[in-house]
Amino acid sequence: MGLRKRLMGEPSDEEIQRMLKEGATILDIRPQDEFDGGHIAGSLHIPIDELLHSLPLIPKDRPVITCNADDALSATAAEMLGAHGFKAYDGGGWTKLVKLAQEP
């Protein structure tokens, strides 16, 4: 587990994997063209610039794992959701989440 994750109290990859298996919502915050180029099947797509206006579309009854391309915007999205009462976690890059979702 990385230092940032330990300091911020964020879940480990194993914990994210468990949440995914238990039905967590994957929220992809990339722009439409990046999402169209590849994404996790079943993920919810809301670009970050539309996130606050789209909160009613996000289920509150289960954890939300945010993802982006590679940068820290997924952490920002998780913080924004947390400030609005969601149990949200930074999943990092979407390609990493694909691997976590597919592992047994």
PDB file of N, CA and C in Angstrom:
ATOM      1  N   MET A   1       0.845  -1.172   0.000  1.00  0.00           N
ATOM      2  CA  MET A   1       0.000   0.000   0.000  1.00  0.00           C
ATOM      3  C   MET A   1       0.889   1.232   0.000  1.00  0.00           C
ATOM      4  N   GLY A   2       0.551   2.239  -0.801  1.00  0.00           N
ATOM      5  CA  GLY A   2       1.342   3.445  -0.900  1.00  0.00           C
ATOM      6  C   GLY A   2       1.230   4.327   0.328  1.00  0.00           C
ATOM      7  N   LEU A   3       2.207   5.192   0.492  1.00  0.00           N
ATOM      8  CA  LEU A   3       2.245   6.096   1.636  1.00  0.00           C
ATOM      9  C   LEU A   3       1.017   6.997   1.674  1.00  0.00           C
ATOM     10  N   ARG A   4       0.622   7.546   0.542  1.00  0.00           N
ATOM     11  CA  ARG A   4      -0.548   8.431   0.507  1.00  0.00           C
ATOM     12  C   ARG A   4      -1.789   7.703   1.000  1.00  0.00           C
ATOM     13  N   LYS A   5      -1.967   6.466   0.551  1.00  0.00           N
ATOM     14  CA  LYS A   5      -3.137   5.704   0.980  1.00  0.00           C
ATOM     15  C   LYS A   5      -3.123   5.466   2.484  1.00  0.00           C
ATOM     16  N   ARG A   6      -1.966   5.155   3.031  1.00  0.00           N
ATOM     17  CA  ARG A   6      -1.876   4.946   4.485  1.00  0.00           C
ATOM     18  C   ARG A   6      -2.176   6.238   5.232  1.00  0.00           C
ATOM     19  N   LEU A   7      -1.595   7.346   4.781  1.00  0.00           N
ATOM     20  CA  LEU A   7      -1.787   8.624   5.468  1.00  0.00           C
ATOM     21  C   LEU A   7      -3.224   9.114   5.383  1.00  0.00           C
ATOM     22  N   MET A   8      -3.863   8.892   4.253  1.00  0.00           N
ATOM     23  CA  MET A   8      -5.224   9.385   4.039  1.00  0.00           C
ATOM     24  C   MET A   8      -6.288   8.397   4.526  1.00  0.00           C
ATOM     25  N   GLY A   9      -5.869   7.224   4.974  1.00  0.00           N
ATOM     26  CA  GLY A   9      -6.823   6.232   5.437  1.00  0.00           C
ATOM     27  C   GLY A   9      -7.631   5.623   4.313  1.00  0.00           C
ATOM     28  N   GLU A  10      -7.088   5.648   3.107  1.00  0.00           N
ATOM     29  CA  GLU A  10      -7.788   5.095   1.955  1.00  0.00           C
ATOM     30  C   GLU A  10      -7.647   3.573   1.941  1.00  0.00           C
ATOM     31  N   PRO A  11      -8.605   2.888   1.340  1.00  0.00           N
ATOM     32  CA  PRO A  11      -8.555   1.423   1.322  1.00  0.00           C
ATOM     33  C   PRO A  11      -7.422   0.891   0.441  1.00  0.00           C
ATOM     34  N   SER A  12      -6.966  -0.275   0.807  1.00  0.00           N
ATOM     35  CA  SER A  12      -5.941  -0.957   0.015  1.00  0.00           C
ATOM     36  C   SER A  12      -6.576  -1.517  -1.253  1.00  0.00           C
ATOM     37  N   ASP A  13      -5.735  -1.985  -2.171  1.00  0.00           N
ATOM     38  CA  ASP A  13      -6.250  -2.616  -3.390  1.00  0.00           C
ATOM     39  C   ASP A  13      -7.134  -3.809  -3.041  1.00  0.00           C
ATOM     40  N   GLU A  14      -6.778  -4.543  -2.014  1.00  0.00           N
ATOM     41  CA  GLU A  14      -7.574  -5.704  -1.606  1.00  0.00           C
ATOM     42  C   GLU A  14      -8.947  -5.273  -1.105  1.00  0.00           C
ATOM     43  N   GLU A  15      -8.996  -4.167  -0.359  1.00  0.00           N
ATOM     44  CA  GLU A  15     -10.278  -3.669   0.126  1.00  0.00           C
ATOM     45  C   GLU A  15     -11.136  -3.145  -1.023  1.00  0.00           C
ATOM     46  N   ILE A  16     -10.513  -2.474  -1.981  1.00  0.00           N
ATOM     47  CA  ILE A  16     -11.254  -2.012  -3.163  1.00  0.00           C
ATOM     48  C   ILE A  16     -11.789  -3.212  -3.932  1.00  0.00           C
ATOM     49  N   GLN A  17     -10.972  -4.225  -4.084  1.00  0.00           N
ATOM     50  CA  GLN A  17     -11.401  -5.435  -4.783  1.00  0.00           C
ATOM     51  C   GLN A  17     -12.607  -6.066  -4.077  1.00  0.00           C
ATOM     52  N   ARG A  18     -12.583  -6.111  -2.756  1.00  0.00           N
ATOM     53  CA  ARG A  18     -13.704  -6.664  -1.995  1.00  0.00           C
ATOM     54  C   ARG A  18     -14.967  -5.830  -2.221  1.00  0.00           C
ATOM     55  N   MET A  19     -14.827  -4.496  -2.165  1.00  0.00           N
ATOM     56  CA  MET A  19     -15.992  -3.631  -2.388  1.00  0.00           C
ATOM     57  C   MET A  19     -16.568  -3.826  -3.786  1.00  0.00           C
ATOM     58  N   LEU A  20     -15.686  -3.987  -4.777  1.00  0.00           N
ATOM     59  CA  LEU A  20     -16.163  -4.224  -6.139  1.00  0.00           C
ATOM     60  C   LEU A  20     -16.952  -5.520  -6.216  1.00  0.00           C
ATOM     61  N   LYS A  21     -16.458  -6.564  -5.568  1.00  0.00           N
ATOM     62  CA  LYS A  21     -17.159  -7.850  -5.579  1.00  0.00           C
ATOM     63  C   LYS A  21     -18.499  -7.764  -4.869  1.00  0.00           C
ATOM     64  N   GLU A  22     -18.600  -6.842  -3.909  1.00  0.00           N
ATOM     65  CA  GLU A  22     -19.839  -6.681  -3.145  1.00  0.00           C
ATOM     66  C   GLU A  22     -20.801  -5.679  -3.788  1.00  0.00           C
ATOM     67  N   GLY A  23     -20.462  -5.177  -4.986  1.00  0.00           N
ATOM     68  CA  GLY A  23     -21.393  -4.344  -5.734  1.00  0.00           C
ATOM     69  C   GLY A  23     -21.175  -2.849  -5.658  1.00  0.00           C
ATOM     70  N   ALA A  24     -19.978  -2.410  -5.296  1.00  0.00           N
ATOM     71  CA  ALA A  24     -19.696  -0.972  -5.279  1.00  0.00           C
ATOM     72  C   ALA A  24     -19.913  -0.386  -6.674  1.00  0.00           C
ATOM     73  N   THR A  25     -20.288   0.863  -6.698  1.00  0.00           N
ATOM     74  CA  THR A  25     -20.443   1.589  -7.956  1.00  0.00           C
ATOM     75  C   THR A  25     -19.079   2.099  -8.401  1.00  0.00           C
ATOM     76  N   ILE A  26     -18.724   1.849  -9.643  1.00  0.00           N
ATOM     77  CA  ILE A  26     -17.516   2.429 -10.225  1.00  0.00           C
ATOM     78  C   ILE A  26     -17.947   3.691 -10.960  1.00  0.00           C
ATOM     79  N   LEU A  27     -17.358   4.813 -10.567  1.00  0.00           N
ATOM     80  CA  LEU A  27     -17.678   6.090 -11.185  1.00  0.00           C
ATOM     81  C   LEU A  27     -16.474   6.575 -11.975  1.00  0.00           C
ATOM     82  N   ASP A  28     -16.612   6.598 -13.293  1.00  0.00           N
ATOM     83  CA  ASP A  28     -15.561   7.043 -14.202  1.00  0.00           C
ATOM     84  C   ASP A  28     -15.792   8.521 -14.489  1.00  0.00           C
ATOM     85  N   ILE A  29     -14.811   9.354 -14.150  1.00  0.00           N
ATOM     86  CA  ILE A  29     -14.983  10.809 -14.252  1.00  0.00           C
ATOM     87  C   ILE A  29     -14.266  11.411 -15.459  1.00  0.00           C
ATOM     88  N   ARG A  30     -13.792  10.581 -16.368  1.00  0.00           N
ATOM     89  CA  ARG A  30     -13.062  11.096 -17.533  1.00  0.00           C
ATOM     90  C   ARG A  30     -14.001  11.774 -18.531  1.00  0.00           C
ATOM     91  N   PRO A  31     -13.432  12.596 -19.406  1.00  0.00           N
ATOM     92  CA  PRO A  31     -14.243  13.196 -20.478  1.00  0.00           C
ATOM     93  C   PRO A  31     -14.833  12.114 -21.390  1.00  0.00           C
ATOM     94  N   GLN A  32     -15.893  12.473 -22.098  1.00  0.00           N
ATOM     95  CA  GLN A  32     -16.617  11.510 -22.938  1.00  0.00           C
ATOM     96  C   GLN A  32     -15.709  10.803 -23.943  1.00  0.00           C
ATOM     97  N   ASP A  33     -14.822  11.538 -24.615  1.00  0.00           N
ATOM     98  CA  ASP A  33     -13.984  10.902 -25.636  1.00  0.00           C
ATOM     99  C   ASP A  33     -13.051   9.852 -25.034  1.00  0.00           C
ATOM    100  N   GLU A  34     -12.534  10.097 -23.837  1.00  0.00           N
ATOM    101  CA  GLU A  34     -11.677   9.104 -23.184  1.00  0.00           C
ATOM    102  C   GLU A  34     -12.498   7.891 -22.759  1.00  0.00           C
ATOM    103  N   PHE A  35     -13.693   8.128 -22.233  1.00  0.00           N
ATOM    104  CA  PHE A  35     -14.575   7.035 -21.830  1.00  0.00           C
ATOM    105  C   PHE A  35     -14.938   6.175 -23.031  1.00  0.00           C
ATOM    106  N   ASP A  36     -15.244   6.822 -24.160  1.00  0.00           N
ATOM    107  CA  ASP A  36     -15.599   6.101 -25.381  1.00  0.00           C
ATOM    108  C   ASP A  36     -14.435   5.250 -25.898  1.00  0.00           C
ATOM    109  N   GLY A  37     -13.211   5.651 -25.569  1.00  0.00           N
ATOM    110  CA  GLY A  37     -12.028   4.896 -25.992  1.00  0.00           C
ATOM    111  C   GLY A  37     -11.782   3.633 -25.196  1.00  0.00           C
ATOM    112  N   GLY A  38     -12.508   3.437 -24.125  1.00  0.00           N
ATOM    113  CA  GLY A  38     -12.374   2.246 -23.292  1.00  0.00           C
ATOM    114  C   GLY A  38     -12.795   2.559 -21.874  1.00  0.00           C
ATOM    115  N   HIS A  39     -13.516   1.623 -21.261  1.00  0.00           N
ATOM    116  CA  HIS A  39     -13.976   1.814 -19.889  1.00  0.00           C
ATOM    117  C   HIS A  39     -14.356   0.465 -19.285  1.00  0.00           C
ATOM    118  N   ILE A  40     -14.643   0.493 -18.005  1.00  0.00           N
ATOM    119  CA  ILE A  40     -15.047  -0.709 -17.285  1.00  0.00           C
ATOM    120  C   ILE A  40     -16.533  -0.945 -17.548  1.00  0.00           C
ATOM    121  N   ALA A  41     -16.852  -2.136 -17.997  1.00  0.00           N
ATOM    122  CA  ALA A  41     -18.250  -2.474 -18.257  1.00  0.00           C
ATOM    123  C   ALA A  41     -19.069  -2.275 -16.988  1.00  0.00           C
ATOM    124  N   GLY A  42     -20.202  -1.618 -17.129  1.00  0.00           N
ATOM    125  CA  GLY A  42     -21.090  -1.392 -16.006  1.00  0.00           C
ATOM    126  C   GLY A  42     -20.753  -0.172 -15.165  1.00  0.00           C
ATOM    127  N   SER A  43     -19.684   0.521 -15.514  1.00  0.00           N
ATOM    128  CA  SER A  43     -19.327   1.708 -14.733  1.00  0.00           C
ATOM    129  C   SER A  43     -20.281   2.859 -15.054  1.00  0.00           C
ATOM    130  N   LEU A  44     -20.429   3.734 -14.088  1.00  0.00           N
ATOM    131  CA  LEU A  44     -21.227   4.928 -14.255  1.00  0.00           C
ATOM    132  C   LEU A  44     -20.297   6.020 -14.764  1.00  0.00           C
ATOM    133  N   HIS A  45     -20.694   6.706 -15.822  1.00  0.00           N
ATOM    134  CA  HIS A  45     -19.837   7.738 -16.387  1.00  0.00           C
ATOM    135  C   HIS A  45     -20.436   9.109 -16.135  1.00  0.00           C
ATOM    136  N   ILE A  46     -19.708   9.899 -15.360  1.00  0.00           N
ATOM    137  CA  ILE A  46     -20.068  11.301 -15.134  1.00  0.00           C
ATOM    138  C   ILE A  46     -18.763  12.089 -15.149  1.00  0.00           C
ATOM    139  N   PRO A  47     -18.514  12.876 -16.189  1.00  0.00           N
ATOM    140  CA  PRO A  47     -17.293  13.686 -16.214  1.00  0.00           C
ATOM    141  C   PRO A  47     -17.218  14.584 -14.976  1.00  0.00           C
ATOM    142  N   ILE A  48     -16.021  14.800 -14.488  1.00  0.00           N
ATOM    143  CA  ILE A  48     -15.861  15.531 -13.231  1.00  0.00           C
ATOM    144  C   ILE A  48     -16.490  16.921 -13.268  1.00  0.00           C
ATOM    145  N   ASP A  49     -16.492  17.562 -14.414  1.00  0.00           N
ATOM    146  CA  ASP A  49     -17.077  18.907 -14.461  1.00  0.00           C
ATOM    147  C   ASP A  49     -18.601  18.879 -14.371  1.00  0.00           C
ATOM    148  N   GLU A  50     -19.210  17.701 -14.432  1.00  0.00           N
ATOM    149  CA  GLU A  50     -20.657  17.558 -14.293  1.00  0.00           C
ATOM    150  C   GLU A  50     -21.044  16.877 -12.974  1.00  0.00           C
ATOM    151  N   LEU A  51     -20.047  16.552 -12.162  1.00  0.00           N
ATOM    152  CA  LEU A  51     -20.280  15.719 -10.984  1.00  0.00           C
ATOM    153  C   LEU A  51     -21.280  16.330 -10.001  1.00  0.00           C
ATOM    154  N   LEU A  52     -21.083  17.540  -9.601  1.00  0.00           N
ATOM    155  CA  LEU A  52     -21.965  18.135  -8.588  1.00  0.00           C
ATOM    156  C   LEU A  52     -23.405  18.258  -9.060  1.00  0.00           C
ATOM    157  N   HIS A  53     -23.604  18.468 -10.346  1.00  0.00           N
ATOM    158  CA  HIS A  53     -24.960  18.570 -10.889  1.00  0.00           C
ATOM    159  C   HIS A  53     -25.607  17.199 -11.068  1.00  0.00           C
ATOM    160  N   SER A  54     -24.800  16.146 -10.996  1.00  0.00           N
ATOM    161  CA  SER A  54     -25.302  14.798 -11.278  1.00  0.00           C
ATOM    162  C   SER A  54     -25.375  13.918 -10.042  1.00  0.00           C
ATOM    163  N   LEU A  55     -25.220  14.473  -8.861  1.00  0.00           N
ATOM    164  CA  LEU A  55     -25.232  13.673  -7.627  1.00  0.00           C
ATOM    165  C   LEU A  55     -26.462  12.779  -7.496  1.00  0.00           C
ATOM    166  N   PRO A  56     -27.658  13.220  -7.907  1.00  0.00           N
ATOM    167  CA  PRO A  56     -28.829  12.345  -7.778  1.00  0.00           C
ATOM    168  C   PRO A  56     -28.738  11.054  -8.612  1.00  0.00           C
ATOM    169  N   LEU A  57     -27.853  11.019  -9.596  1.00  0.00           N
ATOM    170  CA  LEU A  57     -27.710   9.824 -10.435  1.00  0.00           C
ATOM    171  C   LEU A  57     -26.836   8.744  -9.789  1.00  0.00           C
ATOM    172  N   ILE A  58     -26.158   9.091  -8.707  1.00  0.00           N
ATOM    173  CA  ILE A  58     -25.198   8.182  -8.076  1.00  0.00           C
ATOM    174  C   ILE A  58     -25.849   7.493  -6.885  1.00  0.00           C
ATOM    175  N   PRO A  59     -25.846   6.151  -6.868  1.00  0.00           N
ATOM    176  CA  PRO A  59     -26.445   5.438  -5.732  1.00  0.00           C
ATOM    177  C   PRO A  59     -25.713   5.763  -4.427  1.00  0.00           C
ATOM    178  N   LYS A  60     -26.484   6.019  -3.379  1.00  0.00           N
ATOM    179  CA  LYS A  60     -25.906   6.316  -2.064  1.00  0.00           C
ATOM    180  C   LYS A  60     -25.909   5.094  -1.143  1.00  0.00           C
ATOM    181  N   ASP A  61     -26.527   4.004  -1.593  1.00  0.00           N
ATOM    182  CA  ASP A  61     -26.682   2.840  -0.725  1.00  0.00           C
ATOM    183  C   ASP A  61     -25.512   1.858  -0.794  1.00  0.00           C
ATOM    184  N   ARG A  62     -24.465   2.234  -1.486  1.00  0.00           N
ATOM    185  CA  ARG A  62     -23.281   1.375  -1.597  1.00  0.00           C
ATOM    186  C   ARG A  62     -22.058   2.255  -1.839  1.00  0.00           C
ATOM    187  N   PRO A  63     -20.875   1.718  -1.598  1.00  0.00           N
ATOM    188  CA  PRO A  63     -19.658   2.518  -1.823  1.00  0.00           C
ATOM    189  C   PRO A  63     -19.511   2.907  -3.285  1.00  0.00           C
ATOM    190  N   VAL A  64     -18.842   4.042  -3.496  1.00  0.00           N
ATOM    191  CA  VAL A  64     -18.534   4.534  -4.831  1.00  0.00           C
ATOM    192  C   VAL A  64     -17.015   4.556  -4.964  1.00  0.00           C
ATOM    193  N   ILE A  65     -16.515   3.906  -6.001  1.00  0.00           N
ATOM    194  CA  ILE A  65     -15.081   3.895  -6.297  1.00  0.00           C
ATOM    195  C   ILE A  65     -14.874   4.789  -7.514  1.00  0.00           C
ATOM    196  N   THR A  66     -14.156   5.895  -7.332  1.00  0.00           N
ATOM    197  CA  THR A  66     -13.931   6.821  -8.441  1.00  0.00           C
ATOM    198  C   THR A  66     -12.699   6.408  -9.238  1.00  0.00           C
ATOM    199  N   CYS A  67     -12.731   6.672 -10.531  1.00  0.00           N
ATOM    200  CA  CYS A  67     -11.557   6.398 -11.363  1.00  0.00           C
ATOM    201  C   CYS A  67     -11.441   7.448 -12.460  1.00  0.00           C
ATOM    202  N   ASN A  68     -10.231   7.573 -12.953  1.00  0.00           N
ATOM    203  CA  ASN A  68      -9.886   8.547 -13.976  1.00  0.00           C
ATOM    204  C   ASN A  68      -8.844   7.884 -14.858  1.00  0.00           C
ATOM    205  N   ALA A  69      -8.104   8.677 -15.600  1.00  0.00           N
ATOM    206  CA  ALA A  69      -7.017   8.119 -16.416  1.00  0.00           C
ATOM    207  C   ALA A  69      -5.858   7.754 -15.499  1.00  0.00           C
ATOM    208  N   ASP A  70      -5.056   8.716 -15.120  1.00  0.00           N
ATOM    209  CA  ASP A  70      -3.907   8.442 -14.259  1.00  0.00           C
ATOM    210  C   ASP A  70      -3.700   9.461 -13.157  1.00  0.00           C
ATOM    211  N   ASP A  71      -4.352  10.607 -13.246  1.00  0.00           N
ATOM    212  CA  ASP A  71      -4.010  11.677 -12.318  1.00  0.00           C
ATOM    213  C   ASP A  71      -4.865  11.689 -11.052  1.00  0.00           C
ATOM    214  N   ALA A  72      -4.673  12.697 -10.249  1.00  0.00           N
ATOM    215  CA  ALA A  72      -5.289  12.773  -8.926  1.00  0.00           C
ATOM    216  C   ALA A  72      -6.741  13.226  -8.938  1.00  0.00           C
ATOM    217  N   LEU A  73      -7.328  13.456 -10.103  1.00  0.00           N
ATOM    218  CA  LEU A  73      -8.719  13.902 -10.126  1.00  0.00           C
ATOM    219  C   LEU A  73      -9.675  12.877  -9.528  1.00  0.00           C
ATOM    220  N   SER A  74      -9.333  11.606  -9.571  1.00  0.00           N
ATOM    221  CA  SER A  74     -10.224  10.619  -8.965  1.00  0.00           C
ATOM    222  C   SER A  74     -10.258  10.809  -7.451  1.00  0.00           C
ATOM    223  N   ALA A  75      -9.151  11.227  -6.844  1.00  0.00           N
ATOM    224  CA  ALA A  75      -9.138  11.521  -5.411  1.00  0.00           C
ATOM    225  C   ALA A  75      -9.996  12.748  -5.124  1.00  0.00           C
ATOM    226  N   THR A  76      -9.910  13.749  -5.980  1.00  0.00           N
ATOM    227  CA  THR A  76     -10.729  14.949  -5.827  1.00  0.00           C
ATOM    228  C   THR A  76     -12.209  14.599  -5.914  1.00  0.00           C
ATOM    229  N   ALA A  77     -12.565  13.754  -6.874  1.00  0.00           N
ATOM    230  CA  ALA A  77     -13.958  13.342  -7.035  1.00  0.00           C
ATOM    231  C   ALA A  77     -14.443  12.595  -5.787  1.00  0.00           C
ATOM    232  N   ALA A  78     -13.616  11.714  -5.245  1.00  0.00           N
ATOM    233  CA  ALA A  78     -13.988  10.978  -4.038  1.00  0.00           C
ATOM    234  C   ALA A  78     -14.200  11.944  -2.868  1.00  0.00           C
ATOM    235  N   GLU A  79     -13.352  12.939  -2.755  1.00  0.00           N
ATOM    236  CA  GLU A  79     -13.500  13.938  -1.688  1.00  0.00           C
ATOM    237  C   GLU A  79     -14.789  14.742  -1.877  1.00  0.00           C
ATOM    238  N   MET A  80     -15.097  15.114  -3.104  1.00  0.00           N
ATOM    239  CA  MET A  80     -16.326  15.854  -3.381  1.00  0.00           C
ATOM    240  C   MET A  80     -17.548  15.023  -2.987  1.00  0.00           C
ATOM    241  N   LEU A  81     -17.529  13.761  -3.361  1.00  0.00           N
ATOM    242  CA  LEU A  81     -18.651  12.883  -3.030  1.00  0.00           C
ATOM    243  C   LEU A  81     -18.762  12.700  -1.513  1.00  0.00           C
ATOM    244  N   GLY A  82     -17.636  12.514  -0.855  1.00  0.00           N
ATOM    245  CA  GLY A  82     -17.632  12.359   0.596  1.00  0.00           C
ATOM    246  C   GLY A  82     -18.234  13.565   1.299  1.00  0.00           C
ATOM    247  N   ALA A  83     -17.967  14.751   0.774  1.00  0.00           N
ATOM    248  CA  ALA A  83     -18.513  15.980   1.347  1.00  0.00           C
ATOM    249  C   ALA A  83     -20.033  16.056   1.188  1.00  0.00           C
ATOM    250  N   HIS A  84     -20.581  15.218   0.295  1.00  0.00           N
ATOM    251  CA  HIS A  84     -22.030  15.198   0.074  1.00  0.00           C
ATOM    252  C   HIS A  84     -22.673  13.924   0.613  1.00  0.00           C
ATOM    253  N   GLY A  85     -21.988  13.261   1.525  1.00  0.00           N
ATOM    254  CA  GLY A  85     -22.574  12.122   2.218  1.00  0.00           C
ATOM    255  C   GLY A  85     -22.385  10.758   1.586  1.00  0.00           C
ATOM    256  N   PHE A  86     -21.607  10.669   0.530  1.00  0.00           N
ATOM    257  CA  PHE A  86     -21.342   9.375  -0.099  1.00  0.00           C
ATOM    258  C   PHE A  86     -20.170   8.691   0.591  1.00  0.00           C
ATOM    259  N   LYS A  87     -20.167   7.376   0.578  1.00  0.00           N
ATOM    260  CA  LYS A  87     -18.993   6.611   0.984  1.00  0.00           C
ATOM    261  C   LYS A  87     -18.194   6.390  -0.291  1.00  0.00           C
ATOM    262  N   ALA A  88     -17.253   7.281  -0.535  1.00  0.00           N
ATOM    263  CA  ALA A  88     -16.531   7.293  -1.806  1.00  0.00           C
ATOM    264  C   ALA A  88     -15.044   7.108  -1.577  1.00  0.00           C
ATOM    265  N   TYR A  89     -14.413   6.385  -2.503  1.00  0.00           N
ATOM    266  CA  TYR A  89     -13.000   6.046  -2.397  1.00  0.00           C
ATOM    267  C   TYR A  89     -12.306   6.263  -3.733  1.00  0.00           C
ATOM    268  N   ASP A  90     -11.077   6.690  -3.661  1.00  0.00           N
ATOM    269  CA  ASP A  90     -10.252   6.911  -4.850  1.00  0.00           C
ATOM    270  C   ASP A  90      -9.750   5.572  -5.368  1.00  0.00           C
ATOM    271  N   GLY A  91     -10.211   5.200  -6.549  1.00  0.00           N
ATOM    272  CA  GLY A  91      -9.755   3.961  -7.168  1.00  0.00           C
ATOM    273  C   GLY A  91      -8.578   4.157  -8.106  1.00  0.00           C
ATOM    274  N   GLY A  92      -8.200   5.415  -8.350  1.00  0.00           N
ATOM    275  CA  GLY A  92      -7.062   5.695  -9.221  1.00  0.00           C
ATOM    276  C   GLY A  92      -7.404   5.513 -10.690  1.00  0.00           C
ATOM    277  N   GLY A  93      -6.449   4.992 -11.429  1.00  0.00           N
ATOM    278  CA  GLY A  93      -6.612   4.791 -12.862  1.00  0.00           C
ATOM    279  C   GLY A  93      -7.606   3.683 -13.184  1.00  0.00           C
ATOM    280  N   TRP A  94      -8.411   3.889 -14.208  1.00  0.00           N
ATOM    281  CA  TRP A  94      -9.447   2.912 -14.553  1.00  0.00           C
ATOM    282  C   TRP A  94      -8.864   1.583 -14.997  1.00  0.00           C
ATOM    283  N   THR A  95      -7.685   1.600 -15.621  1.00  0.00           N
ATOM    284  CA  THR A  95      -7.097   0.329 -16.067  1.00  0.00           C
ATOM    285  C   THR A  95      -6.686  -0.533 -14.874  1.00  0.00           C
ATOM    286  N   LYS A  96      -6.304   0.101 -13.770  1.00  0.00           N
ATOM    287  CA  LYS A  96      -5.986  -0.652 -12.547  1.00  0.00           C
ATOM    288  C   LYS A  96      -7.252  -1.291 -11.988  1.00  0.00           C
ATOM    289  N   LEU A  97      -8.348  -0.558 -12.015  1.00  0.00           N
ATOM    290  CA  LEU A  97      -9.607  -1.105 -11.509  1.00  0.00           C
ATOM    291  C   LEU A  97     -10.098  -2.277 -12.349  1.00  0.00           C
ATOM    292  N   VAL A  98      -9.844  -2.228 -13.647  1.00  0.00           N
ATOM    293  CA  VAL A  98     -10.214  -3.366 -14.506  1.00  0.00           C
ATOM    294  C   VAL A  98      -9.555  -4.623 -13.973  1.00  0.00           C
ATOM    295  N   LYS A  99      -8.275  -4.523 -13.687  1.00  0.00           N
ATOM    296  CA  LYS A  99      -7.536  -5.686 -13.175  1.00  0.00           C
ATOM    297  C   LYS A  99      -8.076  -6.149 -11.837  1.00  0.00           C
ATOM    298  N   LEU A 100      -8.355  -5.215 -10.929  1.00  0.00           N
ATOM    299  CA  LEU A 100      -8.884  -5.572  -9.616  1.00  0.00           C
ATOM    300  C   LEU A 100     -10.252  -6.235  -9.735  1.00  0.00           C
ATOM    301  N   ALA A 101     -11.074  -5.733 -10.633  1.00  0.00           N
ATOM    302  CA  ALA A 101     -12.413  -6.280 -10.814  1.00  0.00           C
ATOM    303  C   ALA A 101     -12.386  -7.681 -11.411  1.00  0.00           C
ATOM    304  N   GLN A 102     -11.333  -8.003 -12.159  1.00  0.00           N
ATOM    305  CA  GLN A 102     -11.254  -9.307 -12.826  1.00  0.00           C
ATOM    306  C   GLN A 102     -10.552 -10.365 -12.000  1.00  0.00           C
ATOM    307  N   GLU A 103      -9.783  -9.962 -10.986  1.00  0.00           N
ATOM    308  CA  GLU A 103      -9.062 -10.942 -10.181  1.00  0.00           C
ATOM    309  C   GLU A 103     -10.026 -11.722  -9.317  1.00  0.00           C
ATOM    310  N   PRO A 104      -9.724 -13.010  -9.122  1.00  0.00           N
ATOM    311  CA  PRO A 104     -10.610 -13.849  -8.297  1.00  0.00           C
ATOM    312  C   PRO A 104     -10.607 -13.457  -6.837  1.00  0.00           C
TER     313      PRO A 104
END
